[in-house]
N, C-alpha and C. Protein backbone atom coordinates (compact mmCIF):
# COMPACT_ATOMS: atom_id res chain seq x y z
N MET A 1 -159.81 -108.73 -88.67
CA MET A 1 -158.56 -107.98 -88.70
C MET A 1 -158.69 -106.79 -87.77
N ARG A 2 -157.62 -106.52 -87.04
CA ARG A 2 -157.59 -105.36 -86.15
C ARG A 2 -157.10 -104.14 -86.91
N TYR A 3 -157.58 -102.99 -86.47
CA TYR A 3 -157.15 -101.71 -87.04
C TYR A 3 -156.68 -100.82 -85.90
N SER A 4 -155.73 -99.95 -86.23
CA SER A 4 -155.25 -98.96 -85.27
C SER A 4 -155.47 -97.57 -85.82
N LYS A 5 -155.87 -96.67 -84.95
CA LYS A 5 -155.98 -95.27 -85.34
C LYS A 5 -154.55 -94.74 -85.50
N ILE A 6 -154.30 -94.08 -86.60
CA ILE A 6 -152.95 -93.64 -86.95
C ILE A 6 -152.33 -92.75 -85.86
N SER A 7 -153.15 -91.99 -85.17
CA SER A 7 -152.63 -91.06 -84.16
C SER A 7 -152.23 -91.76 -82.86
N GLU A 8 -152.61 -93.01 -82.69
CA GLU A 8 -152.32 -93.69 -81.43
C GLU A 8 -150.87 -94.09 -81.25
N SER A 9 -150.15 -94.28 -82.36
CA SER A 9 -148.78 -94.74 -82.21
C SER A 9 -147.80 -94.11 -83.19
N LEU A 10 -148.25 -93.08 -83.90
CA LEU A 10 -147.38 -92.41 -84.88
C LEU A 10 -147.38 -90.90 -84.63
N TYR A 11 -146.29 -90.25 -85.01
CA TYR A 11 -146.12 -88.81 -84.86
C TYR A 11 -146.71 -88.13 -86.09
N ILE A 12 -147.64 -87.21 -85.87
CA ILE A 12 -148.26 -86.47 -86.97
C ILE A 12 -148.18 -84.98 -86.64
N LYS A 13 -147.58 -84.23 -87.54
CA LYS A 13 -147.51 -82.78 -87.36
C LYS A 13 -147.71 -82.10 -88.69
N GLY A 14 -148.31 -80.95 -88.64
CA GLY A 14 -148.46 -80.11 -89.81
C GLY A 14 -148.20 -78.67 -89.39
N ARG A 15 -147.84 -77.86 -90.32
CA ARG A 15 -147.59 -76.45 -90.04
C ARG A 15 -148.91 -75.71 -90.14
N ILE A 16 -149.18 -74.89 -89.18
CA ILE A 16 -150.40 -74.10 -89.21
C ILE A 16 -150.01 -72.63 -89.31
N GLY A 17 -150.09 -72.09 -90.53
CA GLY A 17 -149.83 -70.68 -90.73
C GLY A 17 -148.38 -70.26 -90.55
N TRP A 18 -147.62 -70.99 -89.86
CA TRP A 18 -146.21 -70.79 -89.54
C TRP A 18 -145.81 -69.36 -89.30
N LYS A 19 -146.39 -68.79 -88.29
CA LYS A 19 -145.97 -67.50 -87.77
C LYS A 19 -145.80 -66.44 -88.87
N GLY A 20 -146.73 -66.44 -89.80
CA GLY A 20 -146.75 -65.39 -90.82
C GLY A 20 -145.73 -65.52 -91.92
N LEU A 21 -145.14 -66.70 -92.14
CA LEU A 21 -144.17 -66.87 -93.23
C LEU A 21 -144.85 -66.56 -94.56
N LYS A 22 -144.24 -65.69 -95.31
CA LYS A 22 -144.76 -65.30 -96.62
C LYS A 22 -143.87 -65.87 -97.71
N LYS A 23 -144.47 -66.14 -98.86
CA LYS A 23 -143.73 -66.67 -100.00
C LYS A 23 -142.55 -65.76 -100.36
N LYS A 24 -142.69 -64.46 -100.15
CA LYS A 24 -141.61 -63.52 -100.49
C LYS A 24 -140.39 -63.70 -99.59
N GLU A 25 -140.56 -64.42 -98.45
CA GLU A 25 -139.43 -64.69 -97.57
C GLU A 25 -138.59 -65.87 -98.05
N TYR A 26 -139.10 -66.61 -99.04
CA TYR A 26 -138.33 -67.73 -99.58
C TYR A 26 -137.05 -67.18 -100.23
N LEU A 27 -135.99 -67.92 -100.09
CA LEU A 27 -134.70 -67.55 -100.67
C LEU A 27 -134.44 -68.39 -101.92
N GLN A 28 -133.63 -67.88 -102.83
CA GLN A 28 -133.28 -68.62 -104.05
C GLN A 28 -132.33 -69.78 -103.75
N GLU A 29 -131.51 -69.59 -102.74
CA GLU A 29 -130.59 -70.65 -102.31
C GLU A 29 -130.31 -70.46 -100.83
N GLY A 30 -129.72 -71.46 -100.23
CA GLY A 30 -129.44 -71.36 -98.82
C GLY A 30 -129.15 -72.71 -98.21
N SER A 31 -129.11 -72.76 -96.92
CA SER A 31 -128.77 -73.98 -96.19
C SER A 31 -129.99 -74.69 -95.62
N TYR A 32 -131.16 -74.03 -95.65
CA TYR A 32 -132.36 -74.58 -95.02
C TYR A 32 -133.49 -74.64 -96.04
N ARG A 33 -133.88 -75.87 -96.39
CA ARG A 33 -134.91 -76.06 -97.42
C ARG A 33 -136.31 -76.08 -96.81
N ILE A 34 -137.27 -75.67 -97.64
CA ILE A 34 -138.69 -75.78 -97.28
C ILE A 34 -139.39 -76.48 -98.45
N ILE A 35 -140.17 -77.50 -98.10
CA ILE A 35 -140.83 -78.33 -99.10
C ILE A 35 -142.31 -77.98 -99.15
N ASN A 36 -142.82 -77.80 -100.36
CA ASN A 36 -144.23 -77.54 -100.62
C ASN A 36 -144.85 -78.77 -101.29
N GLY A 37 -146.16 -78.79 -101.38
CA GLY A 37 -146.85 -79.88 -102.06
C GLY A 37 -146.41 -80.05 -103.50
N SER A 38 -146.06 -78.96 -104.17
CA SER A 38 -145.62 -79.06 -105.57
C SER A 38 -144.28 -79.77 -105.70
N ASN A 39 -143.55 -79.93 -104.60
CA ASN A 39 -142.27 -80.64 -104.62
C ASN A 39 -142.45 -82.16 -104.54
N ILE A 40 -143.68 -82.61 -104.34
CA ILE A 40 -143.94 -84.05 -104.30
C ILE A 40 -144.45 -84.47 -105.67
N VAL A 41 -143.64 -85.27 -106.34
CA VAL A 41 -143.94 -85.71 -107.70
C VAL A 41 -143.72 -87.22 -107.79
N ASP A 42 -144.74 -87.93 -108.21
CA ASP A 42 -144.65 -89.39 -108.37
C ASP A 42 -144.11 -90.08 -107.12
N ASN A 43 -144.65 -89.70 -105.97
CA ASN A 43 -144.29 -90.31 -104.67
C ASN A 43 -142.83 -90.12 -104.29
N LYS A 44 -142.24 -89.06 -104.82
CA LYS A 44 -140.86 -88.71 -104.47
C LYS A 44 -140.79 -87.21 -104.24
N ILE A 45 -139.74 -86.79 -103.55
CA ILE A 45 -139.52 -85.36 -103.34
C ILE A 45 -138.60 -84.84 -104.43
N ASP A 46 -139.04 -83.81 -105.13
CA ASP A 46 -138.20 -83.15 -106.13
C ASP A 46 -137.38 -82.09 -105.40
N TRP A 47 -136.22 -82.50 -104.92
CA TRP A 47 -135.36 -81.62 -104.14
C TRP A 47 -134.85 -80.44 -104.97
N SER A 48 -134.78 -80.61 -106.28
CA SER A 48 -134.20 -79.56 -107.13
C SER A 48 -135.10 -78.33 -107.21
N ASN A 49 -136.35 -78.46 -106.82
CA ASN A 49 -137.29 -77.37 -106.98
C ASN A 49 -137.76 -76.79 -105.64
N CYS A 50 -137.10 -77.15 -104.54
CA CYS A 50 -137.50 -76.67 -103.22
C CYS A 50 -137.04 -75.24 -103.00
N GLY A 51 -137.76 -74.55 -102.14
CA GLY A 51 -137.35 -73.21 -101.75
C GLY A 51 -136.39 -73.28 -100.56
N TYR A 52 -135.93 -72.14 -100.16
CA TYR A 52 -135.02 -72.04 -99.01
C TYR A 52 -135.53 -70.96 -98.08
N ILE A 53 -135.21 -71.10 -96.81
CA ILE A 53 -135.60 -70.11 -95.81
C ILE A 53 -134.39 -69.81 -94.92
N SER A 54 -134.52 -68.77 -94.13
CA SER A 54 -133.44 -68.38 -93.22
C SER A 54 -133.35 -69.37 -92.06
N LYS A 55 -132.21 -69.39 -91.40
CA LYS A 55 -132.00 -70.25 -90.23
C LYS A 55 -133.00 -69.88 -89.13
N GLU A 56 -133.27 -68.60 -88.95
CA GLU A 56 -134.20 -68.15 -87.92
C GLU A 56 -135.60 -68.73 -88.16
N ARG A 57 -136.05 -68.69 -89.41
CA ARG A 57 -137.37 -69.25 -89.74
C ARG A 57 -137.38 -70.77 -89.57
N TYR A 58 -136.28 -71.41 -89.97
CA TYR A 58 -136.18 -72.87 -89.82
C TYR A 58 -136.25 -73.27 -88.35
N ASP A 59 -135.55 -72.53 -87.49
CA ASP A 59 -135.48 -72.87 -86.07
C ASP A 59 -136.76 -72.57 -85.30
N GLU A 60 -137.70 -71.83 -85.87
CA GLU A 60 -138.94 -71.47 -85.18
C GLU A 60 -139.83 -72.67 -84.83
N SER A 61 -139.75 -73.72 -85.64
CA SER A 61 -140.68 -74.83 -85.45
C SER A 61 -139.94 -76.17 -85.43
N GLU A 62 -139.46 -76.51 -84.27
CA GLU A 62 -138.71 -77.76 -84.06
C GLU A 62 -139.52 -78.99 -84.47
N GLU A 63 -140.83 -78.95 -84.20
CA GLU A 63 -141.68 -80.12 -84.40
C GLU A 63 -141.88 -80.51 -85.86
N ILE A 64 -141.50 -79.64 -86.81
CA ILE A 64 -141.68 -79.99 -88.22
C ILE A 64 -140.36 -80.00 -88.99
N LYS A 65 -139.27 -80.12 -88.26
CA LYS A 65 -137.98 -80.33 -88.91
C LYS A 65 -137.92 -81.78 -89.37
N LEU A 66 -137.56 -81.98 -90.62
CA LEU A 66 -137.61 -83.32 -91.20
C LEU A 66 -136.47 -84.21 -90.72
N LYS A 67 -136.79 -85.51 -90.68
CA LYS A 67 -135.81 -86.56 -90.38
C LYS A 67 -135.93 -87.62 -91.46
N GLU A 68 -134.83 -88.34 -91.69
CA GLU A 68 -134.89 -89.44 -92.65
C GLU A 68 -135.93 -90.44 -92.19
N GLY A 69 -136.70 -90.95 -93.14
CA GLY A 69 -137.77 -91.89 -92.83
C GLY A 69 -139.13 -91.22 -92.66
N ASP A 70 -139.17 -89.90 -92.57
CA ASP A 70 -140.46 -89.21 -92.47
C ASP A 70 -141.25 -89.40 -93.76
N ILE A 71 -142.56 -89.47 -93.61
CA ILE A 71 -143.46 -89.55 -94.75
C ILE A 71 -144.20 -88.23 -94.82
N LEU A 72 -144.25 -87.64 -96.01
CA LEU A 72 -144.93 -86.37 -96.22
C LEU A 72 -146.23 -86.63 -96.97
N ILE A 73 -147.30 -85.95 -96.56
CA ILE A 73 -148.61 -86.10 -97.17
C ILE A 73 -149.17 -84.70 -97.42
N THR A 74 -149.62 -84.45 -98.64
CA THR A 74 -150.22 -83.15 -98.93
C THR A 74 -151.61 -83.08 -98.31
N LYS A 75 -151.94 -81.90 -97.76
CA LYS A 75 -153.22 -81.73 -97.07
C LYS A 75 -154.06 -80.60 -97.62
N ASP A 76 -153.56 -79.90 -98.62
CA ASP A 76 -154.30 -78.79 -99.25
C ASP A 76 -154.25 -78.95 -100.76
N GLY A 77 -155.32 -78.52 -101.44
CA GLY A 77 -155.35 -78.56 -102.90
C GLY A 77 -155.41 -79.99 -103.41
N THR A 78 -154.31 -80.46 -103.97
CA THR A 78 -154.22 -81.85 -104.41
C THR A 78 -153.86 -82.67 -103.17
N ILE A 79 -154.86 -83.22 -102.53
CA ILE A 79 -154.67 -83.91 -101.25
C ILE A 79 -154.23 -85.36 -101.47
N GLY A 80 -153.35 -85.81 -100.60
CA GLY A 80 -152.98 -87.22 -100.59
C GLY A 80 -151.77 -87.59 -101.40
N LYS A 81 -151.04 -86.61 -101.93
CA LYS A 81 -149.76 -86.97 -102.55
C LYS A 81 -148.82 -87.34 -101.42
N VAL A 82 -148.02 -88.37 -101.64
CA VAL A 82 -147.20 -88.93 -100.58
C VAL A 82 -145.76 -89.07 -101.07
N ALA A 83 -144.81 -88.80 -100.17
CA ALA A 83 -143.39 -89.02 -100.47
C ALA A 83 -142.68 -89.38 -99.17
N MET A 84 -141.57 -90.10 -99.31
CA MET A 84 -140.77 -90.45 -98.15
C MET A 84 -139.43 -89.73 -98.22
N VAL A 85 -138.98 -89.27 -97.06
CA VAL A 85 -137.67 -88.63 -96.96
C VAL A 85 -136.63 -89.75 -96.83
N ASN A 86 -135.96 -90.06 -97.93
CA ASN A 86 -134.98 -91.15 -97.92
C ASN A 86 -133.61 -90.67 -97.47
N LYS A 87 -133.28 -89.44 -97.80
CA LYS A 87 -132.00 -88.88 -97.37
C LYS A 87 -132.13 -87.38 -97.24
N LEU A 88 -131.38 -86.83 -96.33
CA LEU A 88 -131.37 -85.38 -96.12
C LEU A 88 -129.93 -84.90 -96.20
N ASP A 89 -129.64 -84.08 -97.19
CA ASP A 89 -128.30 -83.52 -97.27
C ASP A 89 -128.26 -82.08 -96.77
N LYS A 90 -129.45 -81.53 -96.46
CA LYS A 90 -129.56 -80.19 -95.87
C LYS A 90 -130.71 -80.22 -94.87
N PRO A 91 -130.64 -79.42 -93.83
CA PRO A 91 -131.79 -79.32 -92.92
C PRO A 91 -133.02 -78.86 -93.71
N SER A 92 -134.15 -79.51 -93.46
CA SER A 92 -135.35 -79.23 -94.24
C SER A 92 -136.58 -79.23 -93.34
N THR A 93 -137.60 -78.51 -93.78
CA THR A 93 -138.87 -78.41 -93.08
C THR A 93 -139.99 -78.40 -94.11
N VAL A 94 -141.23 -78.31 -93.66
CA VAL A 94 -142.36 -78.32 -94.58
C VAL A 94 -143.15 -77.02 -94.52
N ALA A 95 -143.78 -76.70 -95.63
CA ALA A 95 -144.69 -75.56 -95.69
C ALA A 95 -146.04 -76.00 -95.13
N SER A 96 -146.98 -75.08 -95.10
CA SER A 96 -148.26 -75.34 -94.43
C SER A 96 -149.15 -76.35 -95.14
N GLY A 97 -148.86 -76.72 -96.36
CA GLY A 97 -149.70 -77.66 -97.09
C GLY A 97 -149.36 -79.12 -96.91
N LEU A 98 -148.49 -79.43 -95.94
CA LEU A 98 -148.04 -80.81 -95.75
C LEU A 98 -148.15 -81.28 -94.31
N PHE A 99 -148.39 -82.58 -94.16
CA PHE A 99 -148.26 -83.25 -92.88
C PHE A 99 -146.97 -84.03 -92.88
N ILE A 100 -146.39 -84.18 -91.71
CA ILE A 100 -145.28 -85.10 -91.49
C ILE A 100 -145.84 -86.28 -90.70
N LEU A 101 -145.59 -87.48 -91.19
CA LEU A 101 -145.93 -88.69 -90.45
C LEU A 101 -144.60 -89.37 -90.14
N ARG A 102 -144.35 -89.57 -88.85
CA ARG A 102 -143.07 -90.16 -88.41
C ARG A 102 -143.37 -91.44 -87.63
N ASN A 103 -142.70 -92.49 -88.02
CA ASN A 103 -142.86 -93.76 -87.33
C ASN A 103 -142.02 -93.74 -86.05
N ILE A 104 -142.69 -93.58 -84.92
CA ILE A 104 -142.00 -93.56 -83.63
C ILE A 104 -142.21 -94.87 -82.88
N ASN A 105 -142.79 -95.84 -83.57
CA ASN A 105 -143.08 -97.12 -82.95
C ASN A 105 -142.60 -98.24 -83.88
N LEU A 106 -141.28 -98.38 -84.00
CA LEU A 106 -140.68 -99.32 -84.95
C LEU A 106 -140.94 -100.78 -84.59
N LYS A 107 -141.39 -101.06 -83.38
CA LYS A 107 -141.72 -102.43 -83.00
C LYS A 107 -143.14 -102.81 -83.44
N LYS A 108 -143.92 -101.80 -83.80
CA LYS A 108 -145.30 -102.04 -84.24
C LYS A 108 -145.49 -101.83 -85.73
N TRP A 109 -144.78 -100.84 -86.30
CA TRP A 109 -145.01 -100.46 -87.69
C TRP A 109 -143.74 -100.52 -88.52
N ASP A 110 -143.89 -100.96 -89.76
CA ASP A 110 -142.84 -100.88 -90.77
C ASP A 110 -143.09 -99.59 -91.55
N THR A 111 -142.12 -98.72 -91.58
CA THR A 111 -142.30 -97.41 -92.22
C THR A 111 -142.67 -97.54 -93.70
N LEU A 112 -142.06 -98.48 -94.38
CA LEU A 112 -142.36 -98.67 -95.81
C LEU A 112 -143.80 -99.16 -96.00
N TYR A 113 -144.29 -99.98 -95.09
CA TYR A 113 -145.69 -100.42 -95.13
C TYR A 113 -146.62 -99.22 -95.00
N LEU A 114 -146.32 -98.32 -94.06
CA LEU A 114 -147.13 -97.12 -93.89
C LEU A 114 -147.11 -96.27 -95.16
N PHE A 115 -145.92 -96.11 -95.73
CA PHE A 115 -145.76 -95.34 -96.95
C PHE A 115 -146.63 -95.89 -98.08
N TYR A 116 -146.60 -97.20 -98.27
CA TYR A 116 -147.41 -97.80 -99.33
C TYR A 116 -148.90 -97.79 -98.99
N TYR A 117 -149.24 -97.94 -97.72
CA TYR A 117 -150.66 -97.87 -97.34
C TYR A 117 -151.24 -96.51 -97.69
N LEU A 118 -150.45 -95.46 -97.52
CA LEU A 118 -150.92 -94.10 -97.81
C LEU A 118 -151.04 -93.82 -99.31
N GLN A 119 -150.66 -94.79 -100.13
CA GLN A 119 -150.85 -94.70 -101.57
C GLN A 119 -152.00 -95.58 -102.04
N SER A 120 -152.63 -96.27 -101.10
CA SER A 120 -153.65 -97.26 -101.43
C SER A 120 -155.01 -96.63 -101.75
N PHE A 121 -155.86 -97.43 -102.36
CA PHE A 121 -157.22 -97.04 -102.65
C PHE A 121 -157.97 -96.73 -101.34
N LYS A 122 -157.70 -97.49 -100.29
CA LYS A 122 -158.36 -97.27 -99.00
C LYS A 122 -158.06 -95.86 -98.47
N PHE A 123 -156.82 -95.42 -98.62
CA PHE A 123 -156.48 -94.07 -98.16
C PHE A 123 -157.16 -93.02 -99.04
N LYS A 124 -157.22 -93.27 -100.34
CA LYS A 124 -157.90 -92.33 -101.25
C LYS A 124 -159.39 -92.23 -100.88
N GLU A 125 -160.01 -93.36 -100.54
CA GLU A 125 -161.41 -93.34 -100.09
C GLU A 125 -161.56 -92.51 -98.81
N PHE A 126 -160.63 -92.69 -97.90
CA PHE A 126 -160.65 -91.94 -96.64
C PHE A 126 -160.59 -90.44 -96.93
N ILE A 127 -159.68 -90.03 -97.79
CA ILE A 127 -159.53 -88.62 -98.14
C ILE A 127 -160.84 -88.10 -98.74
N TYR A 128 -161.39 -88.85 -99.67
CA TYR A 128 -162.62 -88.42 -100.32
C TYR A 128 -163.75 -88.24 -99.30
N SER A 129 -163.82 -89.15 -98.35
CA SER A 129 -164.89 -89.07 -97.35
C SER A 129 -164.75 -87.85 -96.45
N ARG A 130 -163.54 -87.33 -96.34
CA ARG A 130 -163.30 -86.18 -95.46
C ARG A 130 -163.32 -84.84 -96.21
N THR A 131 -163.28 -84.88 -97.54
CA THR A 131 -163.17 -83.63 -98.29
C THR A 131 -164.27 -83.42 -99.31
N SER A 132 -165.15 -84.38 -99.52
CA SER A 132 -166.17 -84.21 -100.55
C SER A 132 -167.04 -83.00 -100.23
N GLY A 133 -167.39 -82.25 -101.28
CA GLY A 133 -168.22 -81.08 -101.11
C GLY A 133 -167.44 -79.81 -100.83
N SER A 134 -166.16 -79.92 -100.60
CA SER A 134 -165.35 -78.74 -100.32
C SER A 134 -165.01 -78.01 -101.61
N VAL A 135 -165.04 -76.69 -101.56
CA VAL A 135 -164.64 -75.89 -102.72
C VAL A 135 -163.13 -76.00 -102.92
N ILE A 136 -162.39 -75.79 -101.85
CA ILE A 136 -160.94 -75.98 -101.87
C ILE A 136 -160.65 -77.15 -100.95
N PRO A 137 -160.29 -78.29 -101.53
CA PRO A 137 -160.07 -79.47 -100.70
C PRO A 137 -158.99 -79.24 -99.64
N HIS A 138 -159.26 -79.72 -98.44
CA HIS A 138 -158.32 -79.59 -97.33
C HIS A 138 -158.54 -80.78 -96.40
N LEU A 139 -157.46 -81.40 -95.96
CA LEU A 139 -157.54 -82.48 -94.99
C LEU A 139 -157.03 -81.93 -93.66
N TYR A 140 -157.93 -81.87 -92.69
CA TYR A 140 -157.56 -81.35 -91.38
C TYR A 140 -156.82 -82.41 -90.58
N GLN A 141 -155.90 -81.95 -89.74
CA GLN A 141 -155.10 -82.88 -88.94
C GLN A 141 -156.00 -83.73 -88.04
N ARG A 142 -157.02 -83.14 -87.46
CA ARG A 142 -157.92 -83.91 -86.58
C ARG A 142 -158.61 -85.03 -87.34
N ASP A 143 -158.90 -84.81 -88.64
CA ASP A 143 -159.50 -85.86 -89.46
C ASP A 143 -158.46 -86.93 -89.83
N PHE A 144 -157.27 -86.48 -90.23
CA PHE A 144 -156.20 -87.41 -90.60
C PHE A 144 -155.85 -88.33 -89.43
N GLU A 145 -155.88 -87.80 -88.23
CA GLU A 145 -155.56 -88.59 -87.04
C GLU A 145 -156.57 -89.71 -86.79
N GLU A 146 -157.73 -89.65 -87.44
CA GLU A 146 -158.75 -90.69 -87.30
C GLU A 146 -158.56 -91.86 -88.26
N LEU A 147 -157.64 -91.73 -89.21
CA LEU A 147 -157.39 -92.80 -90.18
C LEU A 147 -157.07 -94.11 -89.47
N MET A 148 -157.75 -95.17 -89.89
CA MET A 148 -157.53 -96.50 -89.33
C MET A 148 -156.66 -97.31 -90.30
N ILE A 149 -155.60 -97.93 -89.76
CA ILE A 149 -154.67 -98.71 -90.57
C ILE A 149 -154.73 -100.16 -90.12
N PRO A 150 -154.76 -101.12 -91.08
CA PRO A 150 -154.76 -102.53 -90.70
C PRO A 150 -153.51 -102.86 -89.87
N GLU A 151 -153.75 -103.46 -88.74
CA GLU A 151 -152.68 -103.77 -87.80
C GLU A 151 -152.23 -105.22 -88.01
N LEU A 152 -151.31 -105.39 -88.94
CA LEU A 152 -150.73 -106.69 -89.22
C LEU A 152 -149.49 -106.87 -88.37
N SER A 153 -149.01 -108.10 -88.28
CA SER A 153 -147.76 -108.31 -87.55
C SER A 153 -146.64 -107.58 -88.30
N LEU A 154 -145.60 -107.24 -87.60
CA LEU A 154 -144.47 -106.54 -88.22
C LEU A 154 -143.89 -107.39 -89.35
N LYS A 155 -143.84 -108.68 -89.16
CA LYS A 155 -143.33 -109.59 -90.19
C LYS A 155 -144.20 -109.50 -91.45
N GLN A 156 -145.52 -109.52 -91.29
CA GLN A 156 -146.44 -109.41 -92.43
C GLN A 156 -146.29 -108.06 -93.13
N GLN A 157 -146.17 -106.99 -92.35
CA GLN A 157 -145.99 -105.67 -92.93
C GLN A 157 -144.74 -105.62 -93.79
N LYS A 158 -143.65 -106.17 -93.27
CA LYS A 158 -142.37 -106.16 -94.01
C LYS A 158 -142.47 -107.00 -95.27
N GLN A 159 -143.16 -108.12 -95.21
CA GLN A 159 -143.34 -108.95 -96.41
C GLN A 159 -144.11 -108.18 -97.47
N ILE A 160 -145.19 -107.54 -97.07
CA ILE A 160 -146.00 -106.77 -98.01
C ILE A 160 -145.19 -105.61 -98.60
N SER A 161 -144.54 -104.85 -97.74
CA SER A 161 -143.81 -103.67 -98.22
C SER A 161 -142.64 -104.07 -99.12
N GLN A 162 -141.97 -105.16 -98.83
CA GLN A 162 -140.85 -105.58 -99.67
C GLN A 162 -141.32 -106.04 -101.04
N LYS A 163 -142.47 -106.72 -101.11
CA LYS A 163 -143.02 -107.13 -102.41
C LYS A 163 -143.39 -105.90 -103.24
N ILE A 164 -144.08 -104.97 -102.62
CA ILE A 164 -144.47 -103.74 -103.34
C ILE A 164 -143.22 -102.96 -103.75
N HIS A 165 -142.26 -102.86 -102.84
CA HIS A 165 -141.03 -102.12 -103.14
C HIS A 165 -140.28 -102.74 -104.32
N SER A 166 -140.22 -104.05 -104.35
CA SER A 166 -139.55 -104.76 -105.45
C SER A 166 -140.24 -104.45 -106.78
N ILE A 167 -141.56 -104.49 -106.79
CA ILE A 167 -142.32 -104.16 -108.00
C ILE A 167 -142.09 -102.71 -108.39
N GLN A 168 -142.10 -101.79 -107.40
CA GLN A 168 -141.89 -100.37 -107.68
C GLN A 168 -140.51 -100.12 -108.28
N GLN A 169 -139.50 -100.82 -107.79
CA GLN A 169 -138.15 -100.66 -108.34
C GLN A 169 -138.11 -101.10 -109.80
N LYS A 170 -138.82 -102.17 -110.13
CA LYS A 170 -138.87 -102.64 -111.52
C LYS A 170 -139.58 -101.61 -112.40
N ILE A 171 -140.67 -101.04 -111.89
CA ILE A 171 -141.39 -100.01 -112.64
C ILE A 171 -140.48 -98.80 -112.87
N ASP A 172 -139.78 -98.37 -111.82
CA ASP A 172 -138.86 -97.23 -111.94
C ASP A 172 -137.77 -97.51 -112.98
N LEU A 173 -137.22 -98.72 -112.96
CA LEU A 173 -136.18 -99.08 -113.93
C LEU A 173 -136.75 -99.06 -115.34
N ASN A 174 -137.93 -99.63 -115.54
CA ASN A 174 -138.56 -99.62 -116.87
C ASN A 174 -138.83 -98.19 -117.34
N ASN A 175 -139.29 -97.33 -116.45
CA ASN A 175 -139.52 -95.93 -116.82
C ASN A 175 -138.23 -95.24 -117.22
N LYS A 176 -137.16 -95.54 -116.49
CA LYS A 176 -135.85 -94.96 -116.81
C LYS A 176 -135.38 -95.44 -118.18
N ILE A 177 -135.55 -96.72 -118.46
CA ILE A 177 -135.16 -97.28 -119.76
C ILE A 177 -135.97 -96.62 -120.86
N ASN A 178 -137.29 -96.49 -120.65
CA ASN A 178 -138.15 -95.86 -121.66
C ASN A 178 -137.75 -94.41 -121.91
N THR A 179 -137.41 -93.69 -120.85
CA THR A 179 -136.98 -92.30 -121.00
C THR A 179 -135.68 -92.24 -121.82
N ASN A 180 -134.74 -93.13 -121.51
CA ASN A 180 -133.47 -93.17 -122.26
C ASN A 180 -133.69 -93.53 -123.72
N LEU A 181 -134.59 -94.46 -123.98
CA LEU A 181 -134.87 -94.86 -125.36
C LEU A 181 -135.53 -93.73 -126.14
N ALA A 182 -136.37 -92.96 -125.47
CA ALA A 182 -137.07 -91.85 -126.12
C ALA A 182 -136.14 -90.67 -126.42
N SER A 183 -135.02 -90.58 -125.73
CA SER A 183 -134.09 -89.44 -125.92
C SER A 183 -133.27 -89.57 -127.17
């Protein structure tokens, strides 16, 4: 089986310090959201708990403005939490604890396949190999860019991702039913 280095055909960006943005600059409400690692829950983005920033702060970093289909990965603290941006109703960006992975090669990669691969045991092993021994776990962008992904045909990737997606939808429905029954 062939493998591809993730950085060879995908867009990877993370915020580094972001020009001195402080937590006290977060707004209670606004038009520009900022997502932190704590906003990623069960492989989804909890939009209800995101902070807001000014337009000026949002516009400072074009390279980390979110687009639909982006995959977010936590890189500090609890490393390896993953979520996909399925819809954007407000302009949004990420805080310094996240990477953005963007599929810019749709003829080579299925975005959903990438999303599920980043939830796999293989990815967890990769993270562990890069962070073991650290007092405060951190995944550096240069290390993340070395991740090797199985290079299957686009058709195979779509078959795999659709099967997993179908199972995930059933799990989500069962969880919803269980929550309703418990109420």
